[in-house]
């Protein structure tokens, strides 16, 4: 089996050691599971204004972790369309400061339109080098359409938090692990973003 969809109850019941054994934490351990909450608990906003907190109080690793932490409570719940769900997650994680740009028009909808606020930084890199909290915009071969997902963990495989993926996930938010060769065989093009 190349791809596995975990419901929140399945993942929440696993220990960090078990998740590492299954190969999708890649040694991230407590950082991937509990580290985000711990860092966020220690990050005190300078003021209630979201842009000051997001831009000045958090480093990039903490911003990435804030995105993963904001996505986590949705697992097992309806998320709706993938891009809109990811936009809402990032907006919530940034305390209503960052709204992601729309996709470019088809057939280039595997990347985003320019971000006038310069919050979304696009990168072209091998999928094996993504980090938790990065966002992948891709074009799926099965539907010839776009899909957006948040990177949850990277190790021997890739773990994505996503909504509106092909069945069996539907519009339910879930964690899906996929090995890199299967990702490459299912995706015709992709771009990677981090949110600053």
N, C-alpha and C. Protein backbone atom coordinates (compact mmCIF):
# COMPACT_ATOMS: atom_id res chain seq x y z
N UNK A 1 0.86 -1.17 0.00
CA UNK A 1 0.00 0.00 0.00
C UNK A 1 0.90 1.23 0.00
N UNK A 2 0.63 2.19 -0.89
CA UNK A 2 1.47 3.37 -1.05
C UNK A 2 0.93 4.60 -0.36
N UNK A 3 -0.36 4.67 -0.15
CA UNK A 3 -0.94 5.85 0.50
C UNK A 3 -1.89 5.39 1.59
N UNK A 4 -1.85 6.05 2.72
CA UNK A 4 -2.70 5.71 3.84
C UNK A 4 -3.36 6.98 4.33
N UNK A 5 -4.66 6.92 4.58
CA UNK A 5 -5.35 8.07 5.16
C UNK A 5 -5.63 7.74 6.62
N UNK A 6 -5.15 8.61 7.50
CA UNK A 6 -5.37 8.44 8.93
C UNK A 6 -6.45 9.41 9.38
N UNK A 7 -7.42 8.91 10.09
CA UNK A 7 -8.38 9.78 10.75
C UNK A 7 -7.72 10.26 12.04
N UNK A 8 -8.22 11.34 12.59
CA UNK A 8 -7.62 11.92 13.80
C UNK A 8 -7.53 10.90 14.92
N UNK A 9 -8.58 10.09 15.09
CA UNK A 9 -8.56 9.12 16.17
C UNK A 9 -7.44 8.11 16.00
N UNK A 10 -7.13 7.71 14.76
CA UNK A 10 -6.05 6.77 14.52
C UNK A 10 -4.70 7.39 14.86
N UNK A 11 -4.47 8.61 14.40
CA UNK A 11 -3.19 9.27 14.62
C UNK A 11 -3.05 9.64 16.09
N UNK A 12 -4.11 10.16 16.69
CA UNK A 12 -4.02 10.59 18.08
C UNK A 12 -3.71 9.42 19.01
N UNK A 13 -4.11 8.21 18.62
CA UNK A 13 -3.86 7.05 19.46
C UNK A 13 -2.44 6.52 19.34
N UNK A 14 -1.69 6.97 18.36
CA UNK A 14 -0.33 6.48 18.14
C UNK A 14 0.67 7.25 18.98
N UNK A 15 1.66 6.52 19.43
CA UNK A 15 2.77 7.19 20.10
C UNK A 15 3.70 7.77 19.05
N UNK A 16 4.56 8.67 19.48
CA UNK A 16 5.56 9.23 18.57
C UNK A 16 6.43 8.11 18.01
N UNK A 17 6.79 7.14 18.86
CA UNK A 17 7.61 6.01 18.40
C UNK A 17 6.89 5.23 17.30
N UNK A 18 5.59 4.98 17.47
CA UNK A 18 4.82 4.27 16.46
C UNK A 18 4.75 5.06 15.15
N UNK A 19 4.55 6.37 15.23
CA UNK A 19 4.50 7.19 14.02
C UNK A 19 5.86 7.19 13.33
N UNK A 20 6.94 7.23 14.09
CA UNK A 20 8.28 7.14 13.50
C UNK A 20 8.49 5.78 12.85
N UNK A 21 8.02 4.71 13.51
CA UNK A 21 8.17 3.37 12.96
C UNK A 21 7.45 3.25 11.62
N UNK A 22 6.29 3.89 11.51
CA UNK A 22 5.54 3.86 10.25
C UNK A 22 6.17 4.75 9.19
N UNK A 23 7.15 5.56 9.58
CA UNK A 23 7.96 6.25 8.61
C UNK A 23 7.50 7.62 8.17
N UNK A 24 6.51 8.22 8.83
CA UNK A 24 6.13 9.53 8.33
C UNK A 24 6.46 10.68 9.25
N UNK A 25 7.05 10.43 10.36
CA UNK A 25 7.54 11.55 11.15
C UNK A 25 8.99 11.84 10.85
N UNK A 26 9.69 10.86 10.31
CA UNK A 26 11.07 11.09 9.91
C UNK A 26 11.94 11.61 11.04
N UNK A 27 11.70 11.12 12.26
CA UNK A 27 12.51 11.55 13.38
C UNK A 27 12.08 12.88 13.97
N UNK A 28 10.99 13.46 13.49
CA UNK A 28 10.55 14.75 14.04
C UNK A 28 9.98 14.59 15.44
N UNK A 29 9.39 13.44 15.69
CA UNK A 29 8.90 13.11 17.02
C UNK A 29 8.06 14.18 17.67
N UNK A 30 8.47 14.58 18.87
CA UNK A 30 7.69 15.54 19.65
C UNK A 30 7.56 16.88 18.97
N UNK A 31 8.52 17.25 18.12
CA UNK A 31 8.40 18.51 17.41
C UNK A 31 7.18 18.51 16.51
N UNK A 32 6.96 17.39 15.79
CA UNK A 32 5.83 17.33 14.88
C UNK A 32 4.52 17.22 15.63
N UNK A 33 4.52 16.50 16.75
CA UNK A 33 3.26 16.27 17.44
C UNK A 33 2.96 17.30 18.51
N UNK A 34 3.90 17.55 19.38
CA UNK A 34 3.62 18.42 20.51
C UNK A 34 4.43 19.69 20.51
N UNK A 35 5.48 19.69 19.72
CA UNK A 35 6.37 20.84 19.71
C UNK A 35 5.69 22.11 19.27
N UNK A 36 4.77 22.00 18.32
CA UNK A 36 4.10 23.20 17.82
C UNK A 36 3.32 23.87 18.94
N UNK A 37 2.58 23.07 19.68
CA UNK A 37 1.79 23.66 20.76
C UNK A 37 2.69 24.27 21.82
N UNK A 38 3.80 23.57 22.11
CA UNK A 38 4.72 24.08 23.11
C UNK A 38 5.35 25.40 22.69
N UNK A 39 5.76 25.49 21.44
CA UNK A 39 6.35 26.75 20.97
C UNK A 39 5.33 27.87 20.95
N UNK A 40 4.10 27.53 20.54
CA UNK A 40 3.09 28.57 20.50
C UNK A 40 2.73 29.04 21.91
N UNK A 41 2.74 28.12 22.85
CA UNK A 41 2.41 28.51 24.22
C UNK A 41 3.48 29.47 24.77
N UNK A 42 4.73 29.30 24.32
CA UNK A 42 5.80 30.17 24.80
C UNK A 42 5.89 31.47 24.01
N UNK A 43 5.24 31.53 22.84
CA UNK A 43 5.31 32.73 22.01
C UNK A 43 4.23 33.72 22.46
N UNK A 44 4.65 34.79 23.08
CA UNK A 44 3.72 35.81 23.54
C UNK A 44 3.59 36.89 22.47
N UNK A 45 2.37 37.22 22.05
CA UNK A 45 2.22 38.28 21.06
C UNK A 45 2.69 39.62 21.62
N UNK A 46 3.33 40.42 20.78
CA UNK A 46 3.77 41.75 21.19
C UNK A 46 2.57 42.61 21.48
N UNK A 47 1.56 42.48 20.65
CA UNK A 47 0.29 43.15 20.87
C UNK A 47 -0.78 42.34 20.18
N UNK A 48 -2.03 42.68 20.36
CA UNK A 48 -3.13 41.90 19.80
C UNK A 48 -3.15 41.95 18.28
N UNK A 49 -2.52 42.93 17.68
CA UNK A 49 -2.49 43.07 16.24
C UNK A 49 -1.80 41.85 15.62
N UNK A 50 -2.52 41.09 14.77
CA UNK A 50 -1.99 39.86 14.20
C UNK A 50 -0.74 40.06 13.38
N UNK A 51 -0.64 41.17 12.63
CA UNK A 51 0.54 41.34 11.78
C UNK A 51 1.81 41.54 12.60
N UNK A 52 1.73 42.24 13.73
CA UNK A 52 2.90 42.43 14.57
C UNK A 52 3.33 41.09 15.15
N UNK A 53 2.39 40.32 15.64
CA UNK A 53 2.68 39.00 16.21
C UNK A 53 3.27 38.09 15.14
N UNK A 54 2.62 37.98 13.99
CA UNK A 54 3.03 37.06 12.93
C UNK A 54 4.40 37.45 12.36
N UNK A 55 4.60 38.71 12.09
CA UNK A 55 5.81 39.14 11.40
C UNK A 55 6.99 39.36 12.34
N UNK A 56 6.75 39.79 13.56
CA UNK A 56 7.86 40.18 14.43
C UNK A 56 8.12 39.25 15.60
N UNK A 57 7.14 38.46 16.01
CA UNK A 57 7.30 37.63 17.20
C UNK A 57 7.61 36.18 16.88
N UNK A 58 7.39 35.76 15.65
CA UNK A 58 7.60 34.36 15.28
C UNK A 58 8.71 34.24 14.25
N UNK A 59 9.55 33.21 14.39
CA UNK A 59 10.49 32.91 13.32
C UNK A 59 9.78 31.99 12.32
N UNK A 60 10.44 31.64 11.22
CA UNK A 60 9.77 30.87 10.19
C UNK A 60 9.34 29.49 10.67
N UNK A 61 10.15 28.84 11.46
CA UNK A 61 9.78 27.52 12.00
C UNK A 61 8.52 27.63 12.84
N UNK A 62 8.40 28.67 13.66
CA UNK A 62 7.21 28.86 14.49
C UNK A 62 5.98 29.17 13.63
N UNK A 63 6.15 29.93 12.56
CA UNK A 63 5.02 30.19 11.64
C UNK A 63 4.55 28.88 11.01
N UNK A 64 5.51 28.08 10.56
CA UNK A 64 5.15 26.78 9.97
C UNK A 64 4.39 25.92 10.98
N UNK A 65 4.87 25.90 12.22
CA UNK A 65 4.22 25.11 13.26
C UNK A 65 2.84 25.66 13.60
N UNK A 66 2.69 26.98 13.54
CA UNK A 66 1.37 27.59 13.80
C UNK A 66 0.37 27.13 12.75
N UNK A 67 0.80 27.00 11.51
CA UNK A 67 -0.09 26.53 10.44
C UNK A 67 -0.50 25.09 10.69
N UNK A 68 0.45 24.23 11.03
CA UNK A 68 0.12 22.83 11.31
C UNK A 68 -0.81 22.75 12.53
N UNK A 69 -0.52 23.52 13.56
CA UNK A 69 -1.37 23.51 14.77
C UNK A 69 -2.78 24.00 14.48
N UNK A 70 -2.92 24.98 13.60
CA UNK A 70 -4.25 25.48 13.25
C UNK A 70 -5.02 24.47 12.40
N UNK A 71 -4.32 23.64 11.63
CA UNK A 71 -4.97 22.63 10.79
C UNK A 71 -5.41 21.41 11.59
N UNK A 72 -4.66 21.06 12.62
CA UNK A 72 -4.87 19.82 13.37
C UNK A 72 -6.30 19.66 13.92
N UNK A 73 -6.92 20.67 14.52
CA UNK A 73 -8.26 20.46 15.07
C UNK A 73 -9.33 20.11 14.03
N UNK A 74 -9.06 20.35 12.76
CA UNK A 74 -10.03 20.05 11.71
C UNK A 74 -10.05 18.57 11.33
N UNK A 75 -9.05 17.82 11.73
CA UNK A 75 -8.98 16.41 11.31
C UNK A 75 -10.22 15.68 11.79
N UNK A 76 -10.84 14.98 10.83
CA UNK A 76 -12.07 14.25 11.11
C UNK A 76 -13.32 15.09 10.94
N UNK A 77 -13.17 16.35 10.54
CA UNK A 77 -14.32 17.25 10.34
C UNK A 77 -14.39 17.66 8.88
N UNK A 78 -15.54 18.16 8.47
CA UNK A 78 -15.71 18.67 7.11
C UNK A 78 -14.82 19.90 6.92
N UNK A 79 -14.10 19.92 5.79
CA UNK A 79 -13.23 21.05 5.51
C UNK A 79 -13.64 21.82 4.27
N UNK A 80 -14.40 21.18 3.38
CA UNK A 80 -14.80 21.83 2.14
C UNK A 80 -13.71 21.76 1.09
N UNK A 81 -13.74 22.70 0.16
CA UNK A 81 -12.76 22.71 -0.91
C UNK A 81 -11.35 22.93 -0.35
N UNK A 82 -10.39 22.23 -0.92
CA UNK A 82 -9.04 22.20 -0.36
C UNK A 82 -8.39 23.58 -0.26
N UNK A 83 -8.40 24.37 -1.32
CA UNK A 83 -7.70 25.67 -1.31
C UNK A 83 -8.36 26.62 -0.31
N UNK A 84 -9.68 26.67 -0.30
CA UNK A 84 -10.38 27.56 0.63
C UNK A 84 -10.10 27.12 2.07
N UNK A 85 -10.08 25.81 2.31
CA UNK A 85 -9.79 25.32 3.65
C UNK A 85 -8.39 25.75 4.07
N UNK A 86 -7.38 25.59 3.19
CA UNK A 86 -6.01 25.98 3.53
C UNK A 86 -5.94 27.50 3.73
N UNK A 87 -6.64 28.28 2.91
CA UNK A 87 -6.66 29.73 3.10
C UNK A 87 -7.18 30.08 4.50
N UNK A 88 -8.26 29.40 4.91
CA UNK A 88 -8.84 29.66 6.23
C UNK A 88 -7.91 29.24 7.36
N UNK A 89 -7.21 28.12 7.18
CA UNK A 89 -6.25 27.66 8.20
C UNK A 89 -5.14 28.69 8.38
N UNK A 90 -4.57 29.15 7.27
CA UNK A 90 -3.47 30.13 7.35
C UNK A 90 -3.98 31.45 7.93
N UNK A 91 -5.16 31.86 7.56
CA UNK A 91 -5.75 33.09 8.09
C UNK A 91 -5.91 33.00 9.60
N UNK A 92 -6.39 31.85 10.06
CA UNK A 92 -6.56 31.62 11.50
C UNK A 92 -5.20 31.55 12.20
N UNK A 93 -4.24 30.82 11.62
CA UNK A 93 -2.91 30.68 12.23
C UNK A 93 -2.21 32.02 12.36
N UNK A 94 -2.45 32.90 11.40
CA UNK A 94 -1.77 34.22 11.40
C UNK A 94 -2.57 35.28 12.15
N UNK A 95 -3.59 34.86 12.86
CA UNK A 95 -4.47 35.78 13.60
C UNK A 95 -5.06 36.83 12.66
N UNK A 96 -5.63 36.31 11.56
CA UNK A 96 -6.35 37.12 10.58
C UNK A 96 -5.45 38.11 9.84
N UNK A 97 -4.21 37.73 9.63
CA UNK A 97 -3.27 38.63 8.97
C UNK A 97 -2.95 38.21 7.53
N UNK A 98 -2.86 36.91 7.25
CA UNK A 98 -2.43 36.43 5.94
C UNK A 98 -3.58 35.71 5.25
N UNK A 99 -3.92 36.17 4.06
CA UNK A 99 -4.88 35.47 3.19
C UNK A 99 -4.13 35.06 1.94
N UNK A 100 -4.13 33.78 1.64
CA UNK A 100 -3.36 33.27 0.51
C UNK A 100 -3.95 33.70 -0.83
N UNK A 101 -3.10 33.96 -1.82
CA UNK A 101 -3.59 34.35 -3.14
C UNK A 101 -4.28 33.19 -3.85
N UNK A 102 -5.04 33.53 -4.88
CA UNK A 102 -5.73 32.52 -5.69
C UNK A 102 -4.74 31.77 -6.55
N UNK A 103 -5.17 30.64 -7.07
CA UNK A 103 -4.36 29.87 -8.02
C UNK A 103 -4.29 30.62 -9.34
N UNK A 104 -3.23 30.37 -10.08
CA UNK A 104 -3.16 30.85 -11.46
C UNK A 104 -4.23 30.10 -12.27
N UNK A 105 -4.52 30.58 -13.44
CA UNK A 105 -5.52 29.93 -14.28
C UNK A 105 -5.00 28.61 -14.84
N UNK A 106 -5.91 27.66 -15.09
CA UNK A 106 -5.56 26.37 -15.69
C UNK A 106 -4.93 26.64 -17.06
N UNK A 107 -3.97 25.90 -17.48
CA UNK A 107 -3.41 24.69 -16.87
C UNK A 107 -2.29 24.97 -15.87
N UNK A 108 -2.10 26.22 -15.50
CA UNK A 108 -1.02 26.58 -14.57
C UNK A 108 -1.50 26.71 -13.14
N UNK A 109 -2.59 26.03 -12.80
CA UNK A 109 -3.17 26.16 -11.46
C UNK A 109 -2.42 25.36 -10.40
N UNK A 110 -1.25 24.88 -10.72
CA UNK A 110 -0.39 24.25 -9.72
C UNK A 110 0.51 25.29 -9.06
N UNK A 111 0.33 26.54 -9.38
CA UNK A 111 1.00 27.61 -8.63
C UNK A 111 0.03 28.76 -8.41
N UNK A 112 0.42 29.71 -7.55
CA UNK A 112 -0.47 30.79 -7.13
C UNK A 112 -0.17 32.07 -7.88
N UNK A 113 -1.18 32.91 -7.93
CA UNK A 113 -0.98 34.26 -8.46
C UNK A 113 -0.02 35.00 -7.52
N UNK A 114 0.56 36.08 -8.01
CA UNK A 114 1.47 36.87 -7.18
C UNK A 114 0.77 37.35 -5.92
N UNK A 115 1.49 37.33 -4.81
CA UNK A 115 0.96 37.80 -3.53
C UNK A 115 1.40 39.25 -3.33
N UNK A 116 0.46 40.20 -3.41
CA UNK A 116 0.84 41.61 -3.28
C UNK A 116 1.41 41.96 -1.90
N UNK A 117 1.12 41.17 -0.89
CA UNK A 117 1.64 41.43 0.46
C UNK A 117 2.96 40.70 0.73
N UNK A 118 3.41 39.88 -0.20
CA UNK A 118 4.67 39.15 -0.09
C UNK A 118 4.71 38.18 1.08
N UNK A 119 3.57 37.59 1.43
CA UNK A 119 3.55 36.62 2.51
C UNK A 119 3.81 35.20 2.01
N UNK A 120 3.34 34.88 0.81
CA UNK A 120 3.52 33.54 0.26
C UNK A 120 4.79 33.51 -0.59
N UNK A 121 5.74 32.71 -0.16
CA UNK A 121 7.00 32.60 -0.88
C UNK A 121 7.04 31.26 -1.59
N UNK A 122 7.02 31.30 -2.92
CA UNK A 122 7.03 30.09 -3.72
C UNK A 122 8.44 29.58 -3.96
N UNK A 123 8.55 28.27 -4.00
CA UNK A 123 9.86 27.64 -4.21
C UNK A 123 9.70 26.49 -5.20
N UNK A 124 10.73 26.23 -5.91
CA UNK A 124 10.80 25.05 -6.77
C UNK A 124 11.87 24.16 -6.17
N UNK A 125 11.45 23.05 -5.55
CA UNK A 125 12.41 22.16 -4.92
C UNK A 125 11.88 20.75 -4.97
N UNK A 126 12.77 19.76 -4.87
CA UNK A 126 12.31 18.37 -4.84
C UNK A 126 11.36 18.16 -3.67
N UNK A 127 10.35 17.34 -3.90
CA UNK A 127 9.32 17.12 -2.88
C UNK A 127 9.92 16.56 -1.60
N UNK A 128 11.03 15.86 -1.68
CA UNK A 128 11.67 15.29 -0.50
C UNK A 128 12.21 16.36 0.45
N UNK A 129 12.32 17.61 0.01
CA UNK A 129 12.90 18.67 0.83
C UNK A 129 11.87 19.61 1.46
N UNK A 130 10.59 19.31 1.32
CA UNK A 130 9.60 20.16 1.96
C UNK A 130 9.69 20.01 3.48
N UNK A 131 9.10 20.95 4.20
CA UNK A 131 9.12 20.93 5.66
C UNK A 131 7.69 21.02 6.19
N UNK A 132 7.46 20.55 7.43
CA UNK A 132 6.14 20.72 8.03
C UNK A 132 5.73 22.19 8.04
N UNK A 133 4.49 22.44 7.67
CA UNK A 133 3.97 23.80 7.60
C UNK A 133 4.05 24.40 6.21
N UNK A 134 4.83 23.81 5.31
CA UNK A 134 4.83 24.26 3.92
C UNK A 134 3.50 23.87 3.29
N UNK A 135 3.14 24.56 2.23
CA UNK A 135 1.90 24.27 1.51
C UNK A 135 2.27 23.84 0.10
N UNK A 136 1.67 22.75 -0.33
CA UNK A 136 1.92 22.25 -1.68
C UNK A 136 0.68 22.52 -2.53
N UNK A 137 0.89 23.19 -3.65
CA UNK A 137 -0.15 23.41 -4.65
C UNK A 137 0.20 22.48 -5.81
N UNK A 138 -0.69 21.59 -6.17
CA UNK A 138 -0.36 20.57 -7.16
C UNK A 138 -1.47 20.39 -8.19
N UNK A 139 -1.13 19.76 -9.29
CA UNK A 139 -2.08 19.35 -10.31
C UNK A 139 -2.08 17.83 -10.30
N UNK A 140 -3.25 17.25 -9.99
CA UNK A 140 -3.38 15.79 -9.90
C UNK A 140 -3.63 15.19 -11.28
N UNK A 141 -2.95 14.10 -11.57
CA UNK A 141 -3.16 13.42 -12.85
C UNK A 141 -4.55 12.80 -12.93
N UNK A 142 -5.05 12.26 -11.82
CA UNK A 142 -6.34 11.56 -11.83
C UNK A 142 -7.51 12.47 -12.23
N UNK A 143 -7.46 13.73 -11.82
CA UNK A 143 -8.57 14.65 -12.10
C UNK A 143 -8.18 15.75 -13.09
N UNK A 144 -6.88 15.84 -13.38
CA UNK A 144 -6.35 16.94 -14.18
C UNK A 144 -6.74 18.29 -13.58
N UNK A 145 -6.87 18.32 -12.26
CA UNK A 145 -7.25 19.54 -11.56
C UNK A 145 -6.31 19.84 -10.42
N UNK A 146 -6.46 21.02 -9.82
CA UNK A 146 -5.57 21.44 -8.74
C UNK A 146 -5.95 20.82 -7.39
N UNK A 147 -4.99 20.76 -6.51
CA UNK A 147 -5.21 20.33 -5.13
C UNK A 147 -4.21 21.04 -4.25
N UNK A 148 -4.63 21.41 -3.03
CA UNK A 148 -3.80 22.13 -2.08
C UNK A 148 -3.74 21.33 -0.78
N UNK A 149 -2.56 21.20 -0.21
CA UNK A 149 -2.40 20.45 1.04
C UNK A 149 -1.31 21.09 1.89
N UNK A 150 -1.40 20.86 3.20
CA UNK A 150 -0.42 21.35 4.16
C UNK A 150 0.50 20.18 4.52
N UNK A 151 1.80 20.41 4.49
CA UNK A 151 2.75 19.37 4.89
C UNK A 151 2.71 19.24 6.41
N UNK A 152 2.47 18.01 6.86
CA UNK A 152 2.43 17.73 8.29
C UNK A 152 3.78 17.19 8.78
N UNK A 153 4.35 16.26 8.01
CA UNK A 153 5.62 15.66 8.40
C UNK A 153 6.30 15.08 7.18
N UNK A 154 7.62 14.97 7.27
CA UNK A 154 8.42 14.43 6.18
C UNK A 154 9.43 13.47 6.78
N UNK A 155 9.55 12.32 6.20
CA UNK A 155 10.53 11.32 6.61
C UNK A 155 10.80 10.44 5.41
N UNK A 156 10.60 9.13 5.58
CA UNK A 156 10.70 8.22 4.43
C UNK A 156 9.50 8.37 3.51
N UNK A 157 8.49 9.07 3.99
CA UNK A 157 7.30 9.37 3.21
C UNK A 157 6.84 10.77 3.58
N UNK A 158 5.79 11.20 2.94
CA UNK A 158 5.25 12.54 3.13
C UNK A 158 3.89 12.43 3.79
N UNK A 159 3.65 13.19 4.85
CA UNK A 159 2.34 13.22 5.51
C UNK A 159 1.72 14.59 5.24
N UNK A 160 0.50 14.57 4.70
CA UNK A 160 -0.21 15.79 4.34
C UNK A 160 -1.50 15.90 5.14
N UNK A 161 -1.83 17.11 5.57
CA UNK A 161 -3.16 17.38 6.11
C UNK A 161 -3.92 18.03 4.97
N UNK A 162 -5.07 17.46 4.63
CA UNK A 162 -5.78 17.95 3.45
C UNK A 162 -7.27 17.73 3.57
N UNK A 163 -7.99 18.47 2.75
CA UNK A 163 -9.43 18.34 2.63
C UNK A 163 -9.76 18.16 1.16
N UNK A 164 -10.87 17.52 0.89
CA UNK A 164 -11.37 17.37 -0.47
C UNK A 164 -10.41 16.63 -1.37
N UNK A 165 -9.73 15.61 -0.81
CA UNK A 165 -8.91 14.75 -1.65
C UNK A 165 -9.80 13.68 -2.25
N UNK A 166 -9.31 13.00 -3.25
CA UNK A 166 -10.06 11.94 -3.90
C UNK A 166 -10.62 10.98 -2.87
N UNK A 167 -11.74 10.28 -3.14
CA UNK A 167 -12.24 9.29 -2.19
C UNK A 167 -11.13 8.35 -1.79
N UNK A 168 -11.09 7.85 -0.56
CA UNK A 168 -12.17 7.86 0.39
C UNK A 168 -12.26 9.10 1.26
N UNK A 169 -11.35 10.05 1.14
CA UNK A 169 -11.33 11.20 2.03
C UNK A 169 -12.47 12.17 1.83
N UNK A 170 -12.89 12.41 0.58
CA UNK A 170 -13.94 13.39 0.32
C UNK A 170 -13.58 14.74 0.89
N UNK A 171 -14.56 15.45 1.40
CA UNK A 171 -14.31 16.78 1.98
C UNK A 171 -13.99 16.70 3.47
N UNK A 172 -13.72 15.52 3.96
CA UNK A 172 -13.31 15.34 5.35
C UNK A 172 -11.81 15.63 5.44
N UNK A 173 -11.41 16.42 6.43
CA UNK A 173 -10.00 16.72 6.63
C UNK A 173 -9.34 15.48 7.25
N UNK A 174 -8.19 15.12 6.73
CA UNK A 174 -7.50 13.92 7.19
C UNK A 174 -5.99 14.08 6.98
N UNK A 175 -5.24 13.19 7.61
CA UNK A 175 -3.81 13.08 7.37
C UNK A 175 -3.61 11.92 6.42
N UNK A 176 -2.89 12.17 5.33
CA UNK A 176 -2.61 11.13 4.34
C UNK A 176 -1.10 11.01 4.20
N UNK A 177 -0.61 9.79 4.32
CA UNK A 177 0.81 9.56 4.08
C UNK A 177 0.96 8.96 2.70
N UNK A 178 2.00 9.39 2.02
CA UNK A 178 2.25 8.92 0.66
C UNK A 178 3.76 8.88 0.45
N UNK A 179 4.24 7.79 -0.16
CA UNK A 179 5.67 7.74 -0.42
C UNK A 179 6.00 8.66 -1.60
N UNK A 180 7.24 9.03 -1.69
CA UNK A 180 7.64 10.05 -2.68
C UNK A 180 7.44 9.58 -4.12
N UNK A 181 7.71 8.33 -4.40
CA UNK A 181 7.54 7.85 -5.78
C UNK A 181 6.06 7.84 -6.17
N UNK A 182 5.17 7.52 -5.24
CA UNK A 182 3.74 7.56 -5.54
C UNK A 182 3.28 9.00 -5.73
N UNK A 183 3.77 9.91 -4.90
CA UNK A 183 3.44 11.32 -5.09
C UNK A 183 3.81 11.76 -6.50
N UNK A 184 5.03 11.43 -6.91
CA UNK A 184 5.50 11.84 -8.24
C UNK A 184 4.69 11.21 -9.36
N UNK A 185 4.20 9.99 -9.13
CA UNK A 185 3.41 9.33 -10.18
C UNK A 185 1.97 9.86 -10.25
N UNK A 186 1.47 10.44 -9.15
CA UNK A 186 0.09 10.94 -9.11
C UNK A 186 -0.03 12.42 -9.42
N UNK A 187 1.08 13.16 -9.39
CA UNK A 187 1.05 14.61 -9.54
C UNK A 187 1.81 14.99 -10.81
N UNK A 188 1.15 15.76 -11.68
CA UNK A 188 1.82 16.15 -12.92
C UNK A 188 2.71 17.37 -12.74
N UNK A 189 2.38 18.26 -11.80
CA UNK A 189 3.17 19.46 -11.53
C UNK A 189 2.81 19.95 -10.13
N UNK A 190 3.75 20.63 -9.48
CA UNK A 190 3.48 21.17 -8.15
C UNK A 190 4.40 22.35 -7.88
N UNK A 191 3.98 23.16 -6.92
CA UNK A 191 4.83 24.22 -6.38
C UNK A 191 4.69 24.18 -4.87
N UNK A 192 5.71 24.70 -4.19
CA UNK A 192 5.78 24.65 -2.73
C UNK A 192 5.87 26.08 -2.21
N UNK A 193 5.17 26.34 -1.12
CA UNK A 193 5.15 27.68 -0.52
C UNK A 193 5.41 27.59 0.98
N UNK A 194 6.10 28.58 1.49
CA UNK A 194 6.09 28.81 2.92
C UNK A 194 5.49 30.20 3.11
N UNK A 195 4.89 30.41 4.28
CA UNK A 195 4.16 31.65 4.55
C UNK A 195 4.93 32.45 5.58
N UNK A 196 5.34 33.65 5.18
CA UNK A 196 6.11 34.49 6.10
C UNK A 196 5.29 35.65 6.61
